[in-house]
């Protein structure tokens, strides 16, 4: 049994018990989270595809971590112009563990 959900502008294929990172969701560690934008659901035999979302499916989980990802380096450079800019960025994330997929 799996579902495809949309959150933070990205789509994730998830199953019960999975732990995955999404764009930052406000909430404390241990608080529950529900994903309403379920695009597809499969129970192993039947596949349901939403147009655009499925109303009768809900994915529930809880937050296990709030943090920042590794730093990425953004380097801008223009040749022959003496232009160089070096910046760093750390994207915030929320780690979510899926408790149940309810159809």
PDB file of N, CA and C in Angstrom:
ATOM      1  N   UNK A   1       0.840  -1.161   0.000  1.00  0.00           N
ATOM      2  CA  UNK A   1       0.000   0.000   0.000  1.00  0.00           C
ATOM      3  C   UNK A   1       0.897   1.240   0.000  1.00  0.00           C
ATOM      4  N   UNK A   2       0.663   2.138  -0.945  1.00  0.00           N
ATOM      5  CA  UNK A   2       1.426   3.373  -0.999  1.00  0.00           C
ATOM      6  C   UNK A   2       0.553   4.494  -1.522  1.00  0.00           C
ATOM      7  N   UNK A   3       1.037   5.710  -1.345  1.00  0.00           N
ATOM      8  CA  UNK A   3       0.337   6.890  -1.827  1.00  0.00           C
ATOM      9  C   UNK A   3       1.359   7.897  -2.328  1.00  0.00           C
ATOM     10  N   UNK A   4       0.914   8.762  -3.211  1.00  0.00           N
ATOM     11  CA  UNK A   4       1.748   9.861  -3.668  1.00  0.00           C
ATOM     12  C   UNK A   4       1.097  11.143  -3.190  1.00  0.00           C
ATOM     13  N   UNK A   5       1.841  11.912  -2.377  1.00  0.00           N
ATOM     14  CA  UNK A   5       1.313  13.150  -1.806  1.00  0.00           C
ATOM     15  C   UNK A   5       2.102  14.341  -2.332  1.00  0.00           C
ATOM     16  N   UNK A   6       1.458  15.497  -2.300  1.00  0.00           N
ATOM     17  CA  UNK A   6       2.070  16.742  -2.729  1.00  0.00           C
ATOM     18  C   UNK A   6       2.188  17.658  -1.520  1.00  0.00           C
ATOM     19  N   UNK A   7       3.411  18.078  -1.187  1.00  0.00           N
ATOM     20  CA  UNK A   7       3.620  19.030  -0.105  1.00  0.00           C
ATOM     21  C   UNK A   7       4.878  19.829  -0.400  1.00  0.00           C
ATOM     22  N   UNK A   8       4.833  21.103  -0.137  1.00  0.00           N
ATOM     23  CA  UNK A   8       5.983  21.962  -0.365  1.00  0.00           C
ATOM     24  C   UNK A   8       6.364  22.083  -1.825  1.00  0.00           C
ATOM     25  N   UNK A   9       5.411  21.879  -2.742  1.00  0.00           N
ATOM     26  CA  UNK A   9       5.699  21.980  -4.163  1.00  0.00           C
ATOM     27  C   UNK A   9       6.371  20.759  -4.746  1.00  0.00           C
ATOM     28  N   UNK A  10       6.495  19.691  -3.965  1.00  0.00           N
ATOM     29  CA  UNK A  10       7.134  18.466  -4.448  1.00  0.00           C
ATOM     30  C   UNK A  10       6.198  17.281  -4.208  1.00  0.00           C
ATOM     31  N   UNK A  11       6.444  16.196  -4.928  1.00  0.00           N
ATOM     32  CA  UNK A  11       5.637  14.993  -4.791  1.00  0.00           C
ATOM     33  C   UNK A  11       6.490  13.875  -4.200  1.00  0.00           C
ATOM     34  N   UNK A  12       5.890  13.118  -3.270  1.00  0.00           N
ATOM     35  CA  UNK A  12       6.607  12.056  -2.565  1.00  0.00           C
ATOM     36  C   UNK A  12       5.790  10.778  -2.624  1.00  0.00           C
ATOM     37  N   UNK A  13       6.461   9.656  -2.914  1.00  0.00           N
ATOM     38  CA  UNK A  13       5.833   8.336  -2.831  1.00  0.00           C
ATOM     39  C   UNK A  13       6.119   7.803  -1.440  1.00  0.00           C
ATOM     40  N   UNK A  14       5.069   7.526  -0.674  1.00  0.00           N
ATOM     41  CA  UNK A  14       5.244   7.124   0.715  1.00  0.00           C
ATOM     42  C   UNK A  14       4.470   5.854   1.009  1.00  0.00           C
ATOM     43  N   UNK A  15       4.972   5.122   2.000  1.00  0.00           N
ATOM     44  CA  UNK A  15       4.317   3.933   2.518  1.00  0.00           C
ATOM     45  C   UNK A  15       4.229   4.064   4.023  1.00  0.00           C
ATOM     46  N   UNK A  16       3.429   3.220   4.634  1.00  0.00           N
ATOM     47  CA  UNK A  16       3.300   3.251   6.083  1.00  0.00           C
ATOM     48  C   UNK A  16       4.630   2.874   6.727  1.00  0.00           C
ATOM     49  N   UNK A  17       5.073   3.679   7.706  1.00  0.00           N
ATOM     50  CA  UNK A  17       6.325   3.435   8.389  1.00  0.00           C
ATOM     51  C   UNK A  17       7.515   4.175   7.793  1.00  0.00           C
ATOM     52  N   UNK A  18       7.338   4.823   6.650  1.00  0.00           N
ATOM     53  CA  UNK A  18       8.430   5.567   6.025  1.00  0.00           C
ATOM     54  C   UNK A  18       8.775   6.823   6.813  1.00  0.00           C
ATOM     55  N   UNK A  19      10.042   7.199   6.764  1.00  0.00           N
ATOM     56  CA  UNK A  19      10.505   8.474   7.311  1.00  0.00           C
ATOM     57  C   UNK A  19      11.075   9.263   6.143  1.00  0.00           C
ATOM     58  N   UNK A  20      10.564  10.463   5.911  1.00  0.00           N
ATOM     59  CA  UNK A  20      11.057  11.261   4.802  1.00  0.00           C
ATOM     60  C   UNK A  20      11.102  12.729   5.184  1.00  0.00           C
ATOM     61  N   UNK A  21      11.911  13.484   4.444  1.00  0.00           N
ATOM     62  CA  UNK A  21      12.109  14.909   4.710  1.00  0.00           C
ATOM     63  C   UNK A  21      11.298  15.733   3.720  1.00  0.00           C
ATOM     64  N   UNK A  22      10.585  16.729   4.253  1.00  0.00           N
ATOM     65  CA  UNK A  22       9.821  17.649   3.418  1.00  0.00           C
ATOM     66  C   UNK A  22      10.263  19.066   3.739  1.00  0.00           C
ATOM     67  N   UNK A  23       9.806  20.022   2.937  1.00  0.00           N
ATOM     68  CA  UNK A  23      10.045  21.424   3.245  1.00  0.00           C
ATOM     69  C   UNK A  23       9.463  21.717   4.622  1.00  0.00           C
ATOM     70  N   UNK A  24      10.002  22.709   5.307  1.00  0.00           N
ATOM     71  CA  UNK A  24       9.651  22.979   6.699  1.00  0.00           C
ATOM     72  C   UNK A  24       8.143  23.131   6.896  1.00  0.00           C
ATOM     73  N   UNK A  25       7.631  22.370   7.853  1.00  0.00           N
ATOM     74  CA  UNK A  25       6.232  22.446   8.280  1.00  0.00           C
ATOM     75  C   UNK A  25       6.239  22.969   9.707  1.00  0.00           C
ATOM     76  N   UNK A  26       5.454  23.990  10.024  1.00  0.00           N
ATOM     77  CA  UNK A  26       5.451  24.471  11.412  1.00  0.00           C
ATOM     78  C   UNK A  26       4.859  23.419  12.352  1.00  0.00           C
ATOM     79  N   UNK A  27       5.479  23.242  13.503  1.00  0.00           N
ATOM     80  CA  UNK A  27       5.006  22.276  14.490  1.00  0.00           C
ATOM     81  C   UNK A  27       6.143  21.796  15.360  1.00  0.00           C
ATOM     82  N   UNK A  28       5.785  21.276  16.513  1.00  0.00           N
ATOM     83  CA  UNK A  28       6.761  20.750  17.456  1.00  0.00           C
ATOM     84  C   UNK A  28       7.047  19.278  17.152  1.00  0.00           C
ATOM     85  N   UNK A  29       8.183  18.794  17.665  1.00  0.00           N
ATOM     86  CA  UNK A  29       8.526  17.383  17.520  1.00  0.00           C
ATOM     87  C   UNK A  29       7.498  16.558  18.289  1.00  0.00           C
ATOM     88  N   UNK A  30       6.942  15.560  17.635  1.00  0.00           N
ATOM     89  CA  UNK A  30       5.929  14.711  18.241  1.00  0.00           C
ATOM     90  C   UNK A  30       4.512  15.090  17.854  1.00  0.00           C
ATOM     91  N   UNK A  31       4.302  16.277  17.301  1.00  0.00           N
ATOM     92  CA  UNK A  31       2.943  16.679  16.919  1.00  0.00           C
ATOM     93  C   UNK A  31       2.537  15.978  15.626  1.00  0.00           C
ATOM     94  N   UNK A  32       1.235  15.806  15.460  1.00  0.00           N
ATOM     95  CA  UNK A  32       0.728  15.058  14.309  1.00  0.00           C
ATOM     96  C   UNK A  32       0.605  15.959  13.088  1.00  0.00           C
ATOM     97  N   UNK A  33       0.723  15.320  11.916  1.00  0.00           N
ATOM     98  CA  UNK A  33       0.654  16.012  10.636  1.00  0.00           C
ATOM     99  C   UNK A  33      -0.260  15.200   9.735  1.00  0.00           C
ATOM    100  N   UNK A  34      -1.080  15.901   8.955  1.00  0.00           N
ATOM    101  CA  UNK A  34      -1.949  15.231   8.001  1.00  0.00           C
ATOM    102  C   UNK A  34      -1.698  15.826   6.615  1.00  0.00           C
ATOM    103  N   UNK A  35      -1.555  14.952   5.623  1.00  0.00           N
ATOM    104  CA  UNK A  35      -1.365  15.389   4.243  1.00  0.00           C
ATOM    105  C   UNK A  35      -2.673  15.165   3.499  1.00  0.00           C
ATOM    106  N   UNK A  36      -3.268  16.253   3.020  1.00  0.00           N
ATOM    107  CA  UNK A  36      -4.570  16.179   2.360  1.00  0.00           C
ATOM    108  C   UNK A  36      -4.471  16.065   0.842  1.00  0.00           C
ATOM    109  N   UNK A  37      -3.392  16.561   0.279  1.00  0.00           N
ATOM    110  CA  UNK A  37      -3.247  16.530  -1.174  1.00  0.00           C
ATOM    111  C   UNK A  37      -2.669  15.185  -1.610  1.00  0.00           C
ATOM    112  N   UNK A  38      -3.511  14.168  -1.658  1.00  0.00           N
ATOM    113  CA  UNK A  38      -3.100  12.831  -2.097  1.00  0.00           C
ATOM    114  C   UNK A  38      -3.429  12.726  -3.585  1.00  0.00           C
ATOM    115  N   UNK A  39      -2.401  12.535  -4.406  1.00  0.00           N
ATOM    116  CA  UNK A  39      -2.579  12.511  -5.847  1.00  0.00           C
ATOM    117  C   UNK A  39      -2.899  11.118  -6.375  1.00  0.00           C
ATOM    118  N   UNK A  40      -2.364  10.080  -5.692  1.00  0.00           N
ATOM    119  CA  UNK A  40      -2.584   8.711  -6.132  1.00  0.00           C
ATOM    120  C   UNK A  40      -2.543   7.785  -4.934  1.00  0.00           C
ATOM    121  N   UNK A  41      -3.326   6.721  -4.971  1.00  0.00           N
ATOM    122  CA  UNK A  41      -3.366   5.740  -3.896  1.00  0.00           C
ATOM    123  C   UNK A  41      -3.449   4.349  -4.505  1.00  0.00           C
ATOM    124  N   UNK A  42      -2.649   3.422  -3.960  1.00  0.00           N
ATOM    125  CA  UNK A  42      -2.677   2.036  -4.415  1.00  0.00           C
ATOM    126  C   UNK A  42      -2.701   1.124  -3.190  1.00  0.00           C
ATOM    127  N   UNK A  43      -3.621   0.158  -3.201  1.00  0.00           N
ATOM    128  CA  UNK A  43      -3.701  -0.801  -2.094  1.00  0.00           C
ATOM    129  C   UNK A  43      -3.099  -2.149  -2.474  1.00  0.00           C
ATOM    130  N   UNK A  44      -2.413  -2.226  -3.587  1.00  0.00           N
ATOM    131  CA  UNK A  44      -1.794  -3.466  -4.036  1.00  0.00           C
ATOM    132  C   UNK A  44      -2.552  -4.108  -5.172  1.00  0.00           C
ATOM    133  N   UNK A  45      -3.862  -3.915  -5.218  1.00  0.00           N
ATOM    134  CA  UNK A  45      -4.693  -4.469  -6.290  1.00  0.00           C
ATOM    135  C   UNK A  45      -5.268  -3.360  -7.158  1.00  0.00           C
ATOM    136  N   UNK A  46      -5.850  -2.353  -6.509  1.00  0.00           N
ATOM    137  CA  UNK A  46      -6.497  -1.262  -7.228  1.00  0.00           C
ATOM    138  C   UNK A  46      -5.684   0.016  -7.095  1.00  0.00           C
ATOM    139  N   UNK A  47      -5.709   0.805  -8.158  1.00  0.00           N
ATOM    140  CA  UNK A  47      -5.019   2.087  -8.169  1.00  0.00           C
ATOM    141  C   UNK A  47      -6.049   3.179  -8.393  1.00  0.00           C
ATOM    142  N   UNK A  48      -6.029   4.195  -7.516  1.00  0.00           N
ATOM    143  CA  UNK A  48      -6.921   5.344  -7.653  1.00  0.00           C
ATOM    144  C   UNK A  48      -6.083   6.578  -7.966  1.00  0.00           C
ATOM    145  N   UNK A  49      -6.466   7.278  -9.034  1.00  0.00           N
ATOM    146  CA  UNK A  49      -5.751   8.476  -9.439  1.00  0.00           C
ATOM    147  C   UNK A  49      -6.698   9.649  -9.302  1.00  0.00           C
ATOM    148  N   UNK A  50      -6.253  10.671  -8.610  1.00  0.00           N
ATOM    149  CA  UNK A  50      -7.084  11.849  -8.391  1.00  0.00           C
ATOM    150  C   UNK A  50      -7.022  12.806  -9.554  1.00  0.00           C
ATOM    151  N   UNK A  51      -8.113  13.559  -9.693  1.00  0.00           N
ATOM    152  CA  UNK A  51      -8.172  14.585 -10.733  1.00  0.00           C
ATOM    153  C   UNK A  51      -8.622  15.880 -10.100  1.00  0.00           C
ATOM    154  N   UNK A  52      -7.797  16.678  -9.495  1.00  0.00           N
ATOM    155  CA  UNK A  52      -6.366  16.537  -9.269  1.00  0.00           C
ATOM    156  C   UNK A  52      -6.020  15.791  -7.984  1.00  0.00           C
ATOM    157  N   UNK A  53      -6.914  15.768  -6.965  1.00  0.00           N
ATOM    158  CA  UNK A  53      -6.587  15.084  -5.707  1.00  0.00           C
ATOM    159  C   UNK A  53      -7.712  14.120  -5.342  1.00  0.00           C
ATOM    160  N   UNK A  54      -7.376  13.166  -4.455  1.00  0.00           N
ATOM    161  CA  UNK A  54      -8.366  12.222  -3.940  1.00  0.00           C
ATOM    162  C   UNK A  54      -8.928  12.770  -2.631  1.00  0.00           C
ATOM    163  N   UNK A  55     -10.240  12.811  -2.525  1.00  0.00           N
ATOM    164  CA  UNK A  55     -10.876  13.360  -1.328  1.00  0.00           C
ATOM    165  C   UNK A  55     -11.026  12.325  -0.217  1.00  0.00           C
ATOM    166  N   UNK A  56     -11.134  11.054  -0.562  1.00  0.00           N
ATOM    167  CA  UNK A  56     -11.424  10.020   0.428  1.00  0.00           C
ATOM    168  C   UNK A  56     -10.172   9.383   1.037  1.00  0.00           C
ATOM    169  N   UNK A  57      -8.996   9.903   0.718  1.00  0.00           N
ATOM    170  CA  UNK A  57      -7.745   9.340   1.241  1.00  0.00           C
ATOM    171  C   UNK A  57      -7.033  10.399   2.078  1.00  0.00           C
ATOM    172  N   UNK A  58      -6.552   9.987   3.263  1.00  0.00           N
ATOM    173  CA  UNK A  58      -5.781  10.885   4.125  1.00  0.00           C
ATOM    174  C   UNK A  58      -4.531  10.161   4.602  1.00  0.00           C
ATOM    175  N   UNK A  59      -3.426  10.869   4.641  1.00  0.00           N
ATOM    176  CA  UNK A  59      -2.164  10.320   5.111  1.00  0.00           C
ATOM    177  C   UNK A  59      -1.823  11.023   6.411  1.00  0.00           C
ATOM    178  N   UNK A  60      -1.604  10.238   7.475  1.00  0.00           N
ATOM    179  CA  UNK A  60      -1.320  10.809   8.788  1.00  0.00           C
ATOM    180  C   UNK A  60       0.042  10.356   9.271  1.00  0.00           C
ATOM    181  N   UNK A  61       0.727  11.268   9.954  1.00  0.00           N
ATOM    182  CA  UNK A  61       2.045  10.970  10.488  1.00  0.00           C
ATOM    183  C   UNK A  61       2.366  11.900  11.636  1.00  0.00           C
ATOM    184  N   UNK A  62       3.601  11.837  12.115  1.00  0.00           N
ATOM    185  CA  UNK A  62       4.020  12.757  13.165  1.00  0.00           C
ATOM    186  C   UNK A  62       5.449  13.232  12.892  1.00  0.00           C
ATOM    187  N   UNK A  63       5.753  14.412  13.414  1.00  0.00           N
ATOM    188  CA  UNK A  63       7.054  15.044  13.200  1.00  0.00           C
ATOM    189  C   UNK A  63       8.074  14.400  14.131  1.00  0.00           C
ATOM    190  N   UNK A  64       9.219  13.985  13.552  1.00  0.00           N
ATOM    191  CA  UNK A  64      10.264  13.404  14.395  1.00  0.00           C
ATOM    192  C   UNK A  64      11.515  14.282  14.456  1.00  0.00           C
ATOM    193  N   UNK A  65      11.622  15.269  13.544  1.00  0.00           N
ATOM    194  CA  UNK A  65      12.811  16.129  13.578  1.00  0.00           C
ATOM    195  C   UNK A  65      12.546  17.417  12.814  1.00  0.00           C
ATOM    196  N   UNK A  66      13.099  18.511  13.310  1.00  0.00           N
ATOM    197  CA  UNK A  66      13.127  19.794  12.621  1.00  0.00           C
ATOM    198  C   UNK A  66      14.599  20.180  12.517  1.00  0.00           C
ATOM    199  N   UNK A  67      15.078  20.479  11.336  1.00  0.00           N
ATOM    200  CA  UNK A  67      16.492  20.789  11.231  1.00  0.00           C
ATOM    201  C   UNK A  67      16.849  21.508   9.950  1.00  0.00           C
ATOM    202  N   UNK A  68      18.160  21.580   9.719  1.00  0.00           N
ATOM    203  CA  UNK A  68      18.685  22.189   8.509  1.00  0.00           C
ATOM    204  C   UNK A  68      19.531  21.163   7.765  1.00  0.00           C
ATOM    205  N   UNK A  69      19.458  21.195   6.449  1.00  0.00           N
ATOM    206  CA  UNK A  69      20.230  20.278   5.615  1.00  0.00           C
ATOM    207  C   UNK A  69      21.678  20.756   5.533  1.00  0.00           C
ATOM    208  N   UNK A  70      22.518  19.990   4.859  1.00  0.00           N
ATOM    209  CA  UNK A  70      23.909  20.381   4.680  1.00  0.00           C
ATOM    210  C   UNK A  70      23.989  21.673   3.874  1.00  0.00           C
ATOM    211  N   UNK A  71      25.061  22.401   4.101  1.00  0.00           N
ATOM    212  CA  UNK A  71      25.255  23.667   3.398  1.00  0.00           C
ATOM    213  C   UNK A  71      25.636  23.416   1.938  1.00  0.00           C
ATOM    214  N   UNK A  72      24.991  24.182   1.059  1.00  0.00           N
ATOM    215  CA  UNK A  72      25.392  24.169  -0.339  1.00  0.00           C
ATOM    216  C   UNK A  72      26.062  25.514  -0.634  1.00  0.00           C
ATOM    217  N   UNK A  73      27.023  25.501  -1.521  1.00  0.00           N
ATOM    218  CA  UNK A  73      27.769  26.701  -1.881  1.00  0.00           C
ATOM    219  C   UNK A  73      27.206  27.256  -3.184  1.00  0.00           C
ATOM    220  N   UNK A  74      26.868  28.547  -3.179  1.00  0.00           N
ATOM    221  CA  UNK A  74      26.401  29.242  -4.375  1.00  0.00           C
ATOM    222  C   UNK A  74      27.535  30.183  -4.785  1.00  0.00           C
ATOM    223  N   UNK A  75      28.155  29.917  -5.935  1.00  0.00           N
ATOM    224  CA  UNK A  75      29.297  30.709  -6.377  1.00  0.00           C
ATOM    225  C   UNK A  75      28.963  31.360  -7.707  1.00  0.00           C
ATOM    226  N   UNK A  76      28.968  32.691  -7.735  1.00  0.00           N
ATOM    227  CA  UNK A  76      28.703  33.452  -8.950  1.00  0.00           C
ATOM    228  C   UNK A  76      30.030  33.999  -9.461  1.00  0.00           C
ATOM    229  N   UNK A  77      30.227  33.944 -10.782  1.00  0.00           N
ATOM    230  CA  UNK A  77      31.504  34.321 -11.352  1.00  0.00           C
ATOM    231  C   UNK A  77      31.287  34.836 -12.764  1.00  0.00           C
ATOM    232  N   UNK A  78      31.925  35.956 -13.071  1.00  0.00           N
ATOM    233  CA  UNK A  78      31.934  36.462 -14.442  1.00  0.00           C
ATOM    234  C   UNK A  78      33.390  36.634 -14.868  1.00  0.00           C
ATOM    235  N   UNK A  79      33.759  35.980 -15.916  1.00  0.00           N
ATOM    236  CA  UNK A  79      35.156  36.013 -16.332  1.00  0.00           C
ATOM    237  C   UNK A  79      35.541  37.399 -16.853  1.00  0.00           C
ATOM    238  N   UNK A  80      36.785  37.740 -16.623  1.00  0.00           N
ATOM    239  CA  UNK A  80      37.401  38.993 -17.077  1.00  0.00           C
ATOM    240  C   UNK A  80      36.775  40.237 -16.465  1.00  0.00           C
ATOM    241  N   UNK A  81      35.916  40.131 -15.479  1.00  0.00           N
ATOM    242  CA  UNK A  81      35.264  41.296 -14.892  1.00  0.00           C
ATOM    243  C   UNK A  81      35.592  41.480 -13.412  1.00  0.00           C
ATOM    244  N   UNK A  82      36.407  40.602 -12.842  1.00  0.00           N
ATOM    245  CA  UNK A  82      36.742  40.614 -11.426  1.00  0.00           C
ATOM    246  C   UNK A  82      35.494  40.505 -10.534  1.00  0.00           C
ATOM    247  N   UNK A  83      34.522  39.720 -10.985  1.00  0.00           N
ATOM    248  CA  UNK A  83      33.276  39.562 -10.230  1.00  0.00           C
ATOM    249  C   UNK A  83      33.205  38.147  -9.670  1.00  0.00           C
ATOM    250  N   UNK A  84      33.201  38.041  -8.363  1.00  0.00           N
ATOM    251  CA  UNK A  84      33.056  36.752  -7.690  1.00  0.00           C
ATOM    252  C   UNK A  84      32.197  36.965  -6.455  1.00  0.00           C
ATOM    253  N   UNK A  85      31.196  36.091  -6.249  1.00  0.00           N
ATOM    254  CA  UNK A  85      30.370  36.128  -5.042  1.00  0.00           C
ATOM    255  C   UNK A  85      30.212  34.708  -4.539  1.00  0.00           C
ATOM    256  N   UNK A  86      30.511  34.499  -3.279  1.00  0.00           N
ATOM    257  CA  UNK A  86      30.382  33.171  -2.680  1.00  0.00           C
ATOM    258  C   UNK A  86      29.370  33.258  -1.552  1.00  0.00           C
ATOM    259  N   UNK A  87      28.318  32.478  -1.649  1.00  0.00           N
ATOM    260  CA  UNK A  87      27.254  32.439  -0.655  1.00  0.00           C
ATOM    261  C   UNK A  87      27.013  30.995  -0.229  1.00  0.00           C
ATOM    262  N   UNK A  88      26.471  30.825   0.952  1.00  0.00           N
ATOM    263  CA  UNK A  88      26.085  29.502   1.422  1.00  0.00           C
ATOM    264  C   UNK A  88      24.607  29.496   1.757  1.00  0.00           C
ATOM    265  N   UNK A  89      24.002  28.321   1.687  1.00  0.00           N
ATOM    266  CA  UNK A  89      22.572  28.198   2.002  1.00  0.00           C
ATOM    267  C   UNK A  89      22.311  26.863   2.679  1.00  0.00           C
ATOM    268  N   UNK A  90      21.535  26.900   3.749  1.00  0.00           N
ATOM    269  CA  UNK A  90      21.101  25.673   4.432  1.00  0.00           C
ATOM    270  C   UNK A  90      19.582  25.655   4.433  1.00  0.00           C
ATOM    271  N   UNK A  91      19.001  24.691   3.738  1.00  0.00           N
ATOM    272  CA  UNK A  91      17.547  24.588   3.626  1.00  0.00           C
ATOM    273  C   UNK A  91      16.975  23.940   4.877  1.00  0.00           C
ATOM    274  N   UNK A  92      15.902  24.519   5.412  1.00  0.00           N
ATOM    275  CA  UNK A  92      15.239  23.938   6.578  1.00  0.00           C
ATOM    276  C   UNK A  92      14.336  22.795   6.126  1.00  0.00           C
ATOM    277  N   UNK A  93      14.250  21.764   6.969  1.00  0.00           N
ATOM    278  CA  UNK A  93      13.420  20.610   6.634  1.00  0.00           C
ATOM    279  C   UNK A  93      12.674  20.119   7.871  1.00  0.00           C
ATOM    280  N   UNK A  94      11.685  19.283   7.627  1.00  0.00           N
ATOM    281  CA  UNK A  94      10.946  18.590   8.668  1.00  0.00           C
ATOM    282  C   UNK A  94      10.956  17.108   8.319  1.00  0.00           C
ATOM    283  N   UNK A  95      11.401  16.264   9.236  1.00  0.00           N
ATOM    284  CA  UNK A  95      11.371  14.816   9.030  1.00  0.00           C
ATOM    285  C   UNK A  95      10.056  14.287   9.600  1.00  0.00           C
ATOM    286  N   UNK A  96       9.318  13.544   8.774  1.00  0.00           N
ATOM    287  CA  UNK A  96       7.998  13.043   9.144  1.00  0.00           C
ATOM    288  C   UNK A  96       7.986  11.532   9.039  1.00  0.00           C
ATOM    289  N   UNK A  97       7.418  10.868  10.046  1.00  0.00           N
ATOM    290  CA  UNK A  97       7.223   9.413  10.011  1.00  0.00           C
ATOM    291  C   UNK A  97       5.742   9.158   9.750  1.00  0.00           C
ATOM    292  N   UNK A  98       5.445   8.314   8.771  1.00  0.00           N
ATOM    293  CA  UNK A  98       4.072   8.037   8.377  1.00  0.00           C
ATOM    294  C   UNK A  98       3.493   6.957   9.293  1.00  0.00           C
ATOM    295  N   UNK A  99       2.374   7.296   9.937  1.00  0.00           N
ATOM    296  CA  UNK A  99       1.688   6.370  10.820  1.00  0.00           C
ATOM    297  C   UNK A  99       0.651   5.524  10.083  1.00  0.00           C
ATOM    298  N   UNK A 100      -0.152   6.175   9.241  1.00  0.00           N
ATOM    299  CA  UNK A 100      -1.215   5.427   8.555  1.00  0.00           C
ATOM    300  C   UNK A 100      -1.617   6.121   7.275  1.00  0.00           C
ATOM    301  N   UNK A 101      -2.111   5.291   6.342  1.00  0.00           N
ATOM    302  CA  UNK A 101      -2.732   5.778   5.118  1.00  0.00           C
ATOM    303  C   UNK A 101      -4.167   5.275   5.160  1.00  0.00           C
ATOM    304  N   UNK A 102      -5.099   6.217   5.315  1.00  0.00           N
ATOM    305  CA  UNK A 102      -6.512   5.854   5.497  1.00  0.00           C
ATOM    306  C   UNK A 102      -7.281   6.131   4.218  1.00  0.00           C
ATOM    307  N   UNK A 103      -7.924   5.082   3.718  1.00  0.00           N
ATOM    308  CA  UNK A 103      -8.722   5.222   2.498  1.00  0.00           C
ATOM    309  C   UNK A 103     -10.198   5.132   2.831  1.00  0.00           C
TER     310      UNK A 103
END
